[in-house]
Amino acid sequence: MENTTKIQEMLEKKAKIMQGGGPQRVQKQHAAGKLTARERLDLLFDPGTFQEYNIFMKHRCHDFGMEKVDAPAEGVVTGYGLVNGRGVFAFAHDFTVLGGAMGEMQGMKVKRIQELALDAGVPFVGLNDSGGGRIQEGPATSYGAIFYNNVMASGVIPQISAVMGPCAGGTVYSPALTDFVFSVDKTSRSFLTGPSVIKNVTGETVDEETLGGARTHNTLSGVSHYFCENDVDCIEQIKVLLSYLPPNYREPPPAYPCTDAPDRRCEMLNTFIPDNERKTYNIKDIILEIADSHDFFERQAMYATNIVTGFIRMNGKSVGVVANQPQSLAGCIDINASDKAARFIRTCDCFNIPLLSIVSVPGFLPGIDQEFGGIIRHGAKMLYAWSEATVPKIVMAVGKVVGGARPAMCSWELHPDIIFAWPSAQMIVVGAESAVDICRKKELKAAREAGEDVDALRRQYIEEYTREFVNPYKAAEFGKFEDIIEPAQSRHIIIRALEMFRNKKVVLPVRKHGNIPL
């Protein structure tokens, strides 16, 4: 009988803790368009698989009347479970308990669950909804240990962060250190200094949504990688992302049964590239056409839209895609596109995800702002990322491959495993007009001095240069393209190459670590 009483007491304690801040605060959370921490975790994990950690933990602060304050589960729920049958560790801030603010013991809970995820070698998901540090605890509140663990886990296990409410001050840096960041429209708020501080210091006036909302960080800052309509959409997108990722760097990504024939012809690609170079096209149509079941999970879809990054499956296996987008800045690479692509390339390389580069790039974006902003330094990140990557690297040129942007998309010199082109591709240093003005400068000058029709002669030279060089064949003669293919065969050829290089091994020079230009 005594044991029964003790069990009942334990169950009652747990039931009370699971109510979080109580019905009124839960109702307020729902009224704000947000789910509670436990509701979010229930959506993330397969039913009945979640094992909670440290549910009974309590703070030990006695200042400012905190000894009288009950903070169920210390304002954060931590544990592990299965997501679509695969192991995942996670935490979720409980905003109904002291606004999810972090104190000493909450920090200890999060630190503990991070380290267990690293030990277990499985992905880690953080559902952030916190007002920041718990001021009452003063210096006891420390994010440093969490940041340290983020860095130690970097490249070892996938780390995913969702900003599902306020994420201010020091709280913002843990998501920024992780591999993928999701943010929720109208409820996500990420900033180091809030509107009131900014107004006091700089005199600038801005509201929270404009300063740190999901749309801002998905379109302007690039801090967020995925824009979510609501909490449910956010959790569902996280589950999709996890399906592309391995549990850790030692293992390959999961493979799924594929009902889409590997040798499926993509007939629409044979007529996809317009003959008129002034007409544009959507590079995503190519990605969708070659992907299993025409499915593409794009990353940073709203940021630096002149380059496209994301995941597809080919014959059931994960592939990371980097592609120029002719519909935005004509596909030129700028500062933001460089950062976006380099980060994605390195993320895929961390987790054994092969890379496919689809090239249609007229060059780096020219302009004073770009030069003063450090396009040289930022563009170098792409060169570094491609060169460092040891996963299978496939390059498919479909349009222009011009000048210094050529290696930025993984040229032959950066050791792709196969680089091939469509008949519509053209690898050149500069356009035909500029090439003629440089290479035929003496002839044009002599014609002008002789009173000849310089414009007609220049047009003739441009036509000759175009016939000779503006095509994929001259580059193929020099080995820069290793094959020129029928576009309809693209899917089959890529899958065949990926299968051939599936067990690729590259040993990099021994060193402490490389020094990527940041």
Protein backbone atom coordinates (compact mmCIF):
# COMPACT_ATOMS: atom_id res chain seq x y z
CA MET A 1 0.00 0.00 0.00
CA GLU A 2 2.88 2.32 0.88
CA ASN A 3 4.49 1.78 -2.56
CA THR A 4 1.20 2.56 -4.25
CA THR A 5 1.04 5.86 -2.37
CA LYS A 6 4.58 6.77 -3.41
CA ILE A 7 3.83 5.96 -7.02
CA GLN A 8 0.69 8.06 -6.89
CA GLU A 9 2.64 10.94 -5.35
CA MET A 10 5.20 10.75 -8.16
CA LEU A 11 2.50 10.72 -10.82
CA GLU A 12 0.78 13.72 -9.28
CA LYS A 13 4.04 15.68 -9.12
CA LYS A 14 4.71 14.94 -12.77
CA ALA A 15 1.17 15.85 -13.79
CA LYS A 16 1.47 19.20 -12.04
CA ILE A 17 4.84 19.95 -13.63
CA MET A 18 3.48 19.07 -17.06
CA GLN A 19 0.90 21.83 -16.72
CA GLY A 20 3.74 24.33 -17.09
CA GLY A 21 2.76 27.82 -16.02
CA GLY A 22 -0.87 26.81 -15.56
CA PRO A 23 -4.08 27.06 -17.63
CA GLN A 24 -4.13 30.86 -17.87
CA ARG A 25 -0.61 31.12 -19.23
CA VAL A 26 -1.21 28.21 -21.58
CA GLN A 27 -4.30 30.01 -22.86
CA LYS A 28 -2.25 33.17 -23.34
CA GLN A 29 0.35 31.18 -25.29
CA HIS A 30 -2.36 29.82 -27.57
CA ALA A 31 -3.87 33.29 -27.99
CA ALA A 32 -0.48 34.48 -29.25
CA GLY A 33 -0.64 31.82 -31.98
CA LYS A 34 1.89 29.55 -30.30
CA LEU A 35 1.82 25.99 -29.05
CA THR A 36 3.28 25.08 -25.67
CA ALA A 37 6.65 23.39 -25.30
CA ARG A 38 5.09 19.98 -24.71
CA GLU A 39 2.63 20.37 -27.57
CA ARG A 40 5.52 21.13 -29.89
CA LEU A 41 7.47 18.10 -28.73
CA ASP A 42 4.38 15.91 -29.09
CA LEU A 43 4.21 16.98 -32.74
CA LEU A 44 7.92 16.38 -33.30
CA PHE A 45 8.31 12.92 -31.79
CA ASP A 46 6.61 9.67 -32.73
CA PRO A 47 3.79 8.93 -30.24
CA GLY A 48 4.94 7.26 -27.04
CA THR A 49 8.68 7.53 -27.75
CA PHE A 50 9.68 10.68 -25.83
CA GLN A 51 11.81 10.18 -22.73
CA GLU A 52 12.06 13.33 -20.65
CA TYR A 53 15.15 14.35 -18.66
CA ASN A 54 15.33 16.30 -15.40
CA ILE A 55 11.63 17.03 -15.10
CA PHE A 56 12.01 17.62 -11.35
CA MET A 57 14.91 20.07 -11.57
CA LYS A 58 14.47 23.33 -9.63
CA HIS A 59 16.34 26.61 -9.49
CA ARG A 60 18.21 27.59 -6.34
CA CYS A 61 17.85 31.36 -6.54
CA HIS A 62 16.80 33.17 -3.37
CA ASP A 63 17.14 36.76 -4.54
CA PHE A 64 14.25 39.10 -5.42
CA GLY A 65 11.72 36.74 -3.91
CA MET A 66 12.62 33.89 -6.25
CA GLU A 67 12.57 31.42 -3.34
CA LYS A 68 8.78 31.68 -3.51
CA VAL A 69 8.60 31.19 -7.28
CA ASP A 70 7.83 27.74 -8.65
CA ALA A 71 9.26 27.17 -12.13
CA PRO A 72 8.00 23.78 -13.35
CA ALA A 73 10.73 21.83 -15.19
CA GLU A 74 12.84 25.00 -14.93
CA GLY A 75 11.12 26.49 -17.97
CA VAL A 76 12.51 24.00 -20.46
CA VAL A 77 11.56 20.46 -21.49
CA THR A 78 14.44 18.22 -22.54
CA GLY A 79 14.74 14.62 -23.68
CA TYR A 80 14.95 12.21 -26.57
CA GLY A 81 12.71 10.09 -28.73
CA LEU A 82 12.10 8.90 -32.28
CA VAL A 83 11.24 11.10 -35.26
CA ASN A 84 9.91 8.92 -38.05
CA GLY A 85 11.63 6.01 -36.36
CA ARG A 86 15.04 7.68 -36.00
CA GLY A 87 16.63 8.92 -32.78
CA VAL A 88 16.65 12.65 -31.97
CA PHE A 89 17.44 14.68 -28.84
CA ALA A 90 15.63 17.96 -28.25
CA PHE A 91 14.77 20.78 -25.91
CA ALA A 92 11.81 23.15 -25.96
CA HIS A 93 11.62 26.36 -23.95
CA ASP A 94 8.41 26.68 -21.94
CA PHE A 95 7.34 30.29 -22.35
CA THR A 96 4.50 29.78 -19.85
CA VAL A 97 7.15 29.43 -17.10
CA LEU A 98 8.93 32.74 -16.47
CA GLY A 99 8.81 33.47 -20.18
CA GLY A 100 11.21 30.59 -20.82
CA ALA A 101 14.00 32.73 -19.34
CA MET A 102 17.26 30.92 -18.74
CA GLY A 103 18.72 30.54 -15.29
CA GLU A 104 21.53 28.41 -13.96
CA MET A 105 19.61 25.12 -13.77
CA GLN A 106 17.81 25.59 -17.07
CA GLY A 107 21.19 26.11 -18.68
CA MET A 108 22.44 22.95 -17.02
CA LYS A 109 19.48 21.00 -18.45
CA VAL A 110 20.13 22.18 -21.99
CA LYS A 111 23.89 21.62 -21.65
CA ARG A 112 23.27 18.07 -20.41
CA ILE A 113 20.95 17.13 -23.28
CA GLN A 114 23.38 18.58 -25.84
CA GLU A 115 26.18 16.42 -24.51
CA LEU A 116 24.01 13.32 -24.50
CA ALA A 117 23.07 13.92 -28.14
CA LEU A 118 26.75 14.19 -28.98
CA ASP A 119 27.53 10.99 -27.08
CA ALA A 120 24.68 9.15 -28.78
CA GLY A 121 25.63 10.47 -32.21
CA VAL A 122 22.15 11.61 -33.20
CA PRO A 123 20.65 14.95 -34.36
CA PHE A 124 19.82 17.70 -31.88
CA VAL A 125 16.78 19.98 -32.19
CA GLY A 126 16.24 23.16 -30.16
CA LEU A 127 12.78 24.76 -30.05
CA ASN A 128 13.51 28.29 -28.87
CA ASP A 129 10.90 30.48 -27.17
CA SER A 130 12.66 32.48 -24.48
CA GLY A 131 12.82 36.05 -23.27
CA GLY A 132 16.55 35.67 -22.62
CA GLY A 133 18.49 35.42 -19.40
CA ARG A 134 16.79 35.18 -16.01
CA ILE A 135 17.82 38.56 -14.62
CA GLN A 136 17.11 37.59 -11.01
CA GLU A 137 19.96 35.06 -11.11
CA GLY A 138 22.56 37.56 -12.31
CA PRO A 139 25.90 35.97 -13.24
CA ALA A 140 24.55 32.47 -12.60
CA THR A 141 22.80 32.84 -15.95
CA SER A 142 25.35 31.79 -18.57
CA TYR A 143 24.96 30.78 -22.19
CA GLY A 144 28.64 30.10 -22.70
CA ALA A 145 28.48 26.36 -21.98
CA ILE A 146 25.66 25.95 -24.51
CA PHE A 147 27.60 27.88 -27.15
CA TYR A 148 30.66 25.74 -26.45
CA ASN A 149 28.64 22.56 -26.93
CA ASN A 150 27.18 23.94 -30.18
CA VAL A 151 30.70 24.37 -31.48
CA MET A 152 31.89 20.96 -30.25
CA ALA A 153 28.92 19.31 -31.97
CA SER A 154 29.42 21.27 -35.21
CA GLY A 155 30.08 18.89 -38.07
CA VAL A 156 29.62 15.90 -35.78
CA ILE A 157 25.82 15.72 -35.47
CA PRO A 158 23.19 17.79 -37.28
CA GLN A 159 22.00 20.69 -35.13
CA ILE A 160 18.64 22.27 -35.92
CA SER A 161 17.15 25.35 -34.28
CA ALA A 162 13.61 26.69 -34.48
CA VAL A 163 12.84 30.23 -33.32
CA MET A 164 9.20 29.96 -32.31
CA GLY A 165 8.90 33.03 -30.10
CA PRO A 166 11.23 35.67 -28.66
CA CYS A 167 14.92 34.92 -28.91
CA ALA A 168 16.71 37.98 -27.61
CA GLY A 169 20.16 38.90 -26.39
CA GLY A 170 22.48 35.96 -25.79
CA THR A 171 19.71 33.50 -26.69
CA VAL A 172 20.16 34.27 -30.40
CA TYR A 173 23.68 32.92 -30.63
CA SER A 174 22.94 29.26 -30.00
CA PRO A 175 20.67 29.06 -33.09
CA ALA A 176 23.24 31.04 -35.07
CA LEU A 177 25.86 28.38 -34.26
CA THR A 178 23.70 25.51 -35.49
CA ASP A 179 23.40 24.06 -38.99
CA PHE A 180 19.81 25.00 -39.80
CA VAL A 181 17.51 27.72 -38.45
CA PHE A 182 13.72 27.80 -38.80
CA SER A 183 11.60 30.82 -37.89
CA VAL A 184 7.84 31.21 -37.56
CA ASP A 185 5.91 34.05 -39.15
CA LYS A 186 4.46 36.65 -36.78
CA THR A 187 5.75 34.95 -33.59
CA SER A 188 9.51 34.61 -34.15
CA ARG A 189 11.57 37.49 -32.74
CA SER A 190 15.39 37.41 -32.96
CA PHE A 191 17.60 40.35 -32.16
CA LEU A 192 20.58 41.20 -29.99
CA THR A 193 19.21 44.58 -28.92
CA GLY A 194 15.49 45.29 -28.95
CA PRO A 195 13.66 48.32 -30.36
CA SER A 196 13.77 50.28 -27.09
CA VAL A 197 17.54 49.91 -26.72
CA ILE A 198 18.10 50.86 -30.35
CA LYS A 199 15.95 53.96 -29.94
CA ASN A 200 17.82 55.01 -26.81
CA VAL A 201 21.26 54.48 -28.33
CA THR A 202 20.86 55.44 -32.00
CA GLY A 203 17.54 57.27 -32.12
CA GLU A 204 16.20 54.82 -34.72
CA THR A 205 12.59 53.70 -34.41
CA VAL A 206 11.65 50.16 -35.40
CA ASP A 207 9.07 47.59 -34.29
CA GLU A 208 9.92 44.05 -33.18
CA GLU A 209 8.50 42.37 -36.28
CA THR A 210 10.50 44.55 -38.67
CA LEU A 211 13.65 44.24 -36.58
CA GLY A 212 13.68 40.53 -35.88
CA GLY A 213 10.69 38.80 -37.44
CA ALA A 214 10.80 35.66 -39.53
CA ARG A 215 10.44 37.52 -42.82
CA THR A 216 13.32 39.87 -41.97
CA HIS A 217 15.69 37.03 -41.15
CA ASN A 218 14.64 35.00 -44.19
CA THR A 219 14.90 37.82 -46.73
CA LEU A 220 17.38 40.40 -45.43
CA SER A 221 19.79 39.08 -42.81
CA GLY A 222 20.07 35.45 -43.92
CA VAL A 223 20.06 34.34 -40.27
CA SER A 224 17.11 32.01 -40.88
CA HIS A 225 17.06 29.23 -43.47
CA TYR A 226 13.37 28.26 -43.44
CA PHE A 227 10.25 30.42 -43.24
CA CYS A 228 7.30 28.75 -41.48
CA GLU A 229 3.65 29.77 -41.46
CA ASN A 230 2.97 28.53 -37.92
CA ASP A 231 4.23 26.09 -35.28
CA VAL A 232 2.72 23.05 -36.99
CA ASP A 233 4.31 23.98 -40.31
CA CYS A 234 7.64 24.51 -38.55
CA ILE A 235 7.66 21.08 -36.92
CA GLU A 236 6.64 19.40 -40.17
CA GLN A 237 9.46 21.13 -42.06
CA ILE A 238 11.97 20.05 -39.40
CA LYS A 239 10.85 16.45 -39.84
CA VAL A 240 11.29 16.73 -43.60
CA LEU A 241 14.78 18.14 -43.17
CA LEU A 242 15.76 15.35 -40.78
CA SER A 243 14.76 12.82 -43.44
CA TYR A 244 17.62 14.09 -45.64
CA LEU A 245 20.29 14.03 -42.92
CA PRO A 246 22.37 11.22 -41.40
CA PRO A 247 22.50 10.84 -37.61
CA ASN A 248 26.15 11.93 -37.57
CA TYR A 249 29.24 12.53 -39.72
CA ARG A 250 30.29 8.87 -39.63
CA GLU A 251 27.17 7.57 -41.34
CA PRO A 252 25.58 8.09 -44.76
CA PRO A 253 22.23 9.86 -45.12
CA PRO A 254 19.19 7.57 -45.05
CA ALA A 255 18.11 5.93 -48.29
CA TYR A 256 14.44 5.50 -49.15
CA PRO A 257 12.64 3.23 -51.61
CA CYS A 258 12.41 4.99 -54.98
CA THR A 259 9.50 4.45 -57.35
CA ASP A 260 10.86 6.97 -59.86
CA ALA A 261 12.97 5.16 -62.46
CA PRO A 262 16.68 6.10 -62.27
CA ASP A 263 16.87 6.07 -66.08
CA ARG A 264 13.75 8.21 -66.55
CA ARG A 265 14.21 10.53 -69.52
CA CYS A 266 13.53 14.22 -68.87
CA GLU A 267 12.25 15.14 -72.31
CA MET A 268 11.26 18.69 -71.40
CA LEU A 269 14.90 19.52 -70.73
CA ASN A 270 15.78 19.06 -74.43
CA THR A 271 13.86 22.22 -75.27
CA PHE A 272 14.13 24.01 -71.94
CA ILE A 273 16.96 26.53 -72.55
CA PRO A 274 15.77 29.37 -74.85
CA ASP A 275 17.77 30.00 -78.02
CA ASN A 276 17.39 33.71 -77.35
CA GLU A 277 19.87 34.51 -74.59
CA ARG A 278 17.79 37.51 -73.54
CA LYS A 279 15.01 35.19 -72.42
CA THR A 280 15.29 33.90 -68.89
CA TYR A 281 14.25 30.63 -67.26
CA ASN A 282 13.69 29.22 -63.79
CA ILE A 283 16.55 26.95 -62.74
CA LYS A 284 14.23 25.29 -60.20
CA ASP A 285 12.35 23.69 -63.10
CA ILE A 286 15.51 21.77 -63.96
CA ILE A 287 16.02 20.72 -60.34
CA LEU A 288 12.43 19.50 -60.03
CA GLU A 289 12.62 17.62 -63.32
CA ILE A 290 15.67 15.54 -62.39
CA ALA A 291 14.67 14.93 -58.74
CA ASP A 292 12.92 11.82 -57.49
CA SER A 293 9.17 12.42 -57.74
CA HIS A 294 9.92 16.05 -58.73
CA ASP A 295 10.43 16.96 -55.08
CA PHE A 296 12.82 19.73 -53.94
CA PHE A 297 13.27 20.87 -50.32
CA GLU A 298 14.78 24.32 -50.80
CA ARG A 299 16.96 26.07 -48.23
CA GLN A 300 16.97 29.86 -47.83
CA ALA A 301 14.40 30.22 -50.59
CA MET A 302 13.81 33.91 -49.80
CA TYR A 303 17.45 35.02 -49.39
CA ALA A 304 20.07 35.70 -52.08
CA THR A 305 17.65 34.35 -54.67
CA ASN A 306 20.29 34.58 -57.42
CA ILE A 307 21.59 31.26 -56.14
CA VAL A 308 19.44 28.26 -55.23
CA THR A 309 20.35 25.69 -52.58
CA GLY A 310 18.48 22.72 -51.17
CA PHE A 311 17.95 18.98 -51.05
CA ILE A 312 16.59 16.47 -53.51
CA ARG A 313 16.71 12.70 -53.66
CA MET A 314 18.09 10.80 -56.61
CA ASN A 315 17.34 7.10 -56.65
CA GLY A 316 16.23 7.43 -53.01
CA LYS A 317 19.43 9.08 -51.73
CA SER A 318 20.04 12.63 -50.50
CA VAL A 319 21.76 15.13 -52.80
CA GLY A 320 22.57 18.78 -52.08
CA VAL A 321 21.98 21.13 -55.01
CA VAL A 322 23.70 24.48 -55.68
CA ALA A 323 22.38 26.26 -58.78
CA ASN A 324 22.53 29.71 -60.33
CA GLN A 325 19.14 31.36 -60.87
CA PRO A 326 18.93 33.33 -64.16
CA GLN A 327 15.67 34.94 -63.02
CA SER A 328 17.48 36.88 -60.25
CA LEU A 329 20.39 39.21 -61.09
CA ALA A 330 20.76 37.11 -64.26
CA GLY A 331 22.31 34.44 -62.06
CA CYS A 332 25.33 36.57 -61.13
CA ILE A 333 27.04 35.68 -57.85
CA ASP A 334 27.15 38.46 -55.25
CA ILE A 335 28.28 38.72 -51.62
CA ASN A 336 25.16 37.18 -50.09
CA ALA A 337 24.97 34.40 -52.67
CA SER A 338 28.60 33.52 -51.96
CA ASP A 339 27.96 33.16 -48.24
CA LYS A 340 24.75 31.22 -48.80
CA ALA A 341 26.33 28.73 -51.18
CA ALA A 342 29.58 28.27 -49.25
CA ARG A 343 27.75 27.52 -46.01
CA PHE A 344 25.49 24.98 -47.74
CA ILE A 345 28.39 23.26 -49.50
CA ARG A 346 30.26 22.84 -46.22
CA THR A 347 27.12 21.60 -44.42
CA CYS A 348 26.57 18.90 -47.03
CA ASP A 349 30.22 17.92 -46.88
CA CYS A 350 30.02 17.62 -43.07
CA PHE A 351 27.24 15.08 -43.33
CA ASN A 352 28.24 12.99 -46.36
CA ILE A 353 25.64 14.43 -48.72
CA PRO A 354 26.82 14.46 -52.36
CA LEU A 355 26.75 17.80 -54.17
CA LEU A 356 25.32 18.71 -57.56
CA SER A 357 26.29 22.06 -59.09
CA ILE A 358 23.97 23.29 -61.86
CA VAL A 359 25.75 26.12 -63.63
CA SER A 360 24.36 29.08 -65.51
CA VAL A 361 26.44 32.02 -64.34
CA PRO A 362 27.45 35.14 -66.31
CA GLY A 363 29.97 36.18 -63.65
CA PHE A 364 30.27 37.88 -60.29
CA LEU A 365 27.96 40.85 -59.84
CA PRO A 366 29.87 44.02 -60.81
CA GLY A 367 29.59 47.24 -58.85
CA ILE A 368 31.26 49.55 -56.36
CA ASP A 369 29.09 48.30 -53.48
CA GLN A 370 30.11 44.72 -54.16
CA GLU A 371 33.81 45.55 -54.36
CA PHE A 372 33.75 47.74 -51.25
CA GLY A 373 31.68 45.08 -49.46
CA GLY A 374 34.39 42.50 -50.03
CA ILE A 375 33.11 40.35 -52.90
CA ILE A 376 36.67 39.04 -53.30
CA ARG A 377 36.71 37.78 -49.72
CA HIS A 378 33.16 36.42 -49.87
CA GLY A 379 33.55 34.80 -53.28
CA ALA A 380 36.68 33.07 -52.01
CA LYS A 381 34.48 31.20 -49.52
CA MET A 382 32.87 29.30 -52.40
CA LEU A 383 36.26 28.38 -53.84
CA TYR A 384 37.36 27.18 -50.41
CA ALA A 385 34.18 25.20 -49.76
CA TRP A 386 34.24 23.36 -53.10
CA SER A 387 37.96 22.61 -52.83
CA GLU A 388 37.67 21.31 -49.27
CA ALA A 389 34.61 19.11 -49.92
CA THR A 390 35.38 15.39 -50.12
CA VAL A 391 31.88 14.14 -50.95
CA PRO A 392 30.98 13.21 -54.53
CA LYS A 393 30.80 16.43 -56.60
CA ILE A 394 28.87 16.46 -59.89
CA VAL A 395 28.82 19.55 -62.12
CA MET A 396 26.25 20.10 -64.87
CA ALA A 397 26.65 23.26 -66.97
CA VAL A 398 23.42 24.27 -68.70
CA GLY A 399 24.11 27.90 -69.68
CA LYS A 400 26.86 30.46 -69.34
CA VAL A 401 30.04 29.60 -67.45
CA VAL A 402 31.88 32.89 -67.45
CA GLY A 403 35.14 34.22 -66.02
CA GLY A 404 35.94 34.09 -62.33
CA ALA A 405 32.52 32.70 -61.50
CA ARG A 406 33.48 29.44 -63.21
CA PRO A 407 35.50 28.02 -60.27
CA ALA A 408 32.94 29.43 -57.83
CA MET A 409 30.54 26.78 -59.15
CA CYS A 410 33.21 24.02 -58.96
CA SER A 411 35.22 24.05 -62.15
CA TRP A 412 37.36 21.19 -63.40
CA GLU A 413 40.36 22.49 -61.44
CA LEU A 414 38.52 22.12 -58.11
CA HIS A 415 38.29 18.34 -58.55
CA PRO A 416 34.66 17.52 -59.29
CA ASP A 417 34.16 13.83 -60.03
CA ILE A 418 32.52 14.52 -63.36
CA ILE A 419 31.80 17.81 -65.10
CA PHE A 420 29.51 17.71 -68.10
CA ALA A 421 27.55 20.19 -70.18
CA TRP A 422 24.43 20.56 -72.21
CA PRO A 423 24.81 21.72 -75.83
CA SER A 424 23.43 25.09 -74.65
CA ALA A 425 26.40 25.65 -72.31
CA GLN A 426 29.20 28.08 -73.11
CA MET A 427 32.44 28.37 -71.17
CA ILE A 428 34.13 31.70 -71.89
CA VAL A 429 36.31 34.21 -70.12
CA VAL A 430 34.21 37.22 -71.18
CA GLY A 431 31.35 37.83 -73.62
CA ALA A 432 31.98 37.90 -77.37
CA GLU A 433 31.73 41.71 -77.58
CA SER A 434 34.29 42.29 -74.84
CA ALA A 435 36.57 39.57 -76.21
CA VAL A 436 36.60 41.17 -79.68
CA ASP A 437 37.27 44.63 -78.27
CA ILE A 438 40.32 43.23 -76.45
CA CYS A 439 41.65 40.63 -78.90
CA ARG A 440 40.95 42.60 -82.10
CA LYS A 441 41.90 46.01 -80.75
CA LYS A 442 44.75 46.52 -83.23
CA GLU A 443 42.70 45.43 -86.26
CA LEU A 444 39.77 47.68 -85.32
CA LYS A 445 42.12 50.61 -84.77
CA ALA A 446 43.76 50.06 -88.17
CA ALA A 447 40.36 49.84 -89.89
CA ARG A 448 39.26 53.08 -88.25
CA GLU A 449 42.43 54.87 -89.42
CA ALA A 450 41.92 53.51 -92.94
CA GLY A 451 38.36 54.85 -93.05
CA GLU A 452 36.78 51.39 -93.23
CA ASP A 453 33.38 50.41 -91.77
CA VAL A 454 34.54 49.58 -88.23
CA ASP A 455 31.08 48.59 -87.00
CA ALA A 456 30.65 46.02 -89.77
CA LEU A 457 34.12 44.61 -89.14
CA ARG A 458 33.43 44.41 -85.40
CA ARG A 459 30.18 42.52 -86.07
CA GLN A 460 32.09 40.12 -88.31
CA TYR A 461 34.67 39.48 -85.60
CA ILE A 462 31.92 38.95 -83.01
CA GLU A 463 30.22 36.38 -85.26
CA GLU A 464 33.52 34.57 -85.79
CA TYR A 465 34.29 34.55 -82.07
CA THR A 466 30.79 33.32 -81.25
CA ARG A 467 31.04 30.42 -83.70
CA GLU A 468 34.44 29.41 -82.40
CA PHE A 469 34.15 29.91 -78.65
CA VAL A 470 30.56 30.50 -77.49
CA ASN A 471 29.66 26.82 -77.19
CA PRO A 472 30.69 23.89 -74.99
CA TYR A 473 32.97 22.23 -77.53
CA LYS A 474 36.05 24.42 -77.24
CA ALA A 475 36.04 23.87 -73.46
CA ALA A 476 35.57 20.13 -74.03
CA GLU A 477 38.63 20.13 -76.32
CA PHE A 478 40.67 21.33 -73.35
CA GLY A 479 39.08 18.80 -70.99
CA LYS A 480 37.15 21.43 -69.04
CA PHE A 481 33.93 19.60 -69.87
CA GLU A 482 34.32 15.83 -69.67
CA ASP A 483 31.18 15.11 -71.67
CA ILE A 484 28.45 16.96 -73.54
CA ILE A 485 25.12 15.22 -73.12
CA GLU A 486 21.54 15.19 -74.26
CA PRO A 487 19.68 17.16 -71.55
CA ALA A 488 16.95 14.50 -71.38
CA GLN A 489 19.59 12.05 -70.11
CA SER A 490 20.62 14.28 -67.19
CA ARG A 491 18.87 12.37 -64.41
CA HIS A 492 20.22 9.01 -65.56
CA ILE A 493 23.80 10.29 -65.94
CA ILE A 494 23.84 12.04 -62.55
CA ILE A 495 22.48 8.98 -60.74
CA ARG A 496 24.98 6.72 -62.47
CA ALA A 497 27.84 9.03 -61.46
CA LEU A 498 26.63 9.25 -57.86
CA GLU A 499 26.49 5.49 -57.63
CA MET A 500 29.99 5.13 -59.07
CA PHE A 501 31.48 7.59 -56.56
CA ARG A 502 29.36 6.43 -53.61
CA ASN A 503 32.43 5.07 -51.79
CA LYS A 504 34.72 7.95 -52.74
CA LYS A 505 37.57 8.54 -50.29
CA VAL A 506 39.72 11.66 -50.27
CA VAL A 507 42.49 12.19 -47.74
CA LEU A 508 43.11 15.87 -47.11
CA PRO A 509 46.53 17.21 -46.03
CA VAL A 510 47.25 16.74 -42.34
CA ARG A 511 46.64 19.98 -40.45
CA LYS A 512 44.93 21.34 -37.38
CA HIS A 513 42.21 22.90 -39.54
CA GLY A 514 42.00 25.04 -42.65
CA ASN A 515 41.57 28.81 -42.47
CA ILE A 516 38.51 29.69 -44.57
CA PRO A 517 38.33 33.41 -45.45
CA LEU A 518 35.58 34.76 -43.18
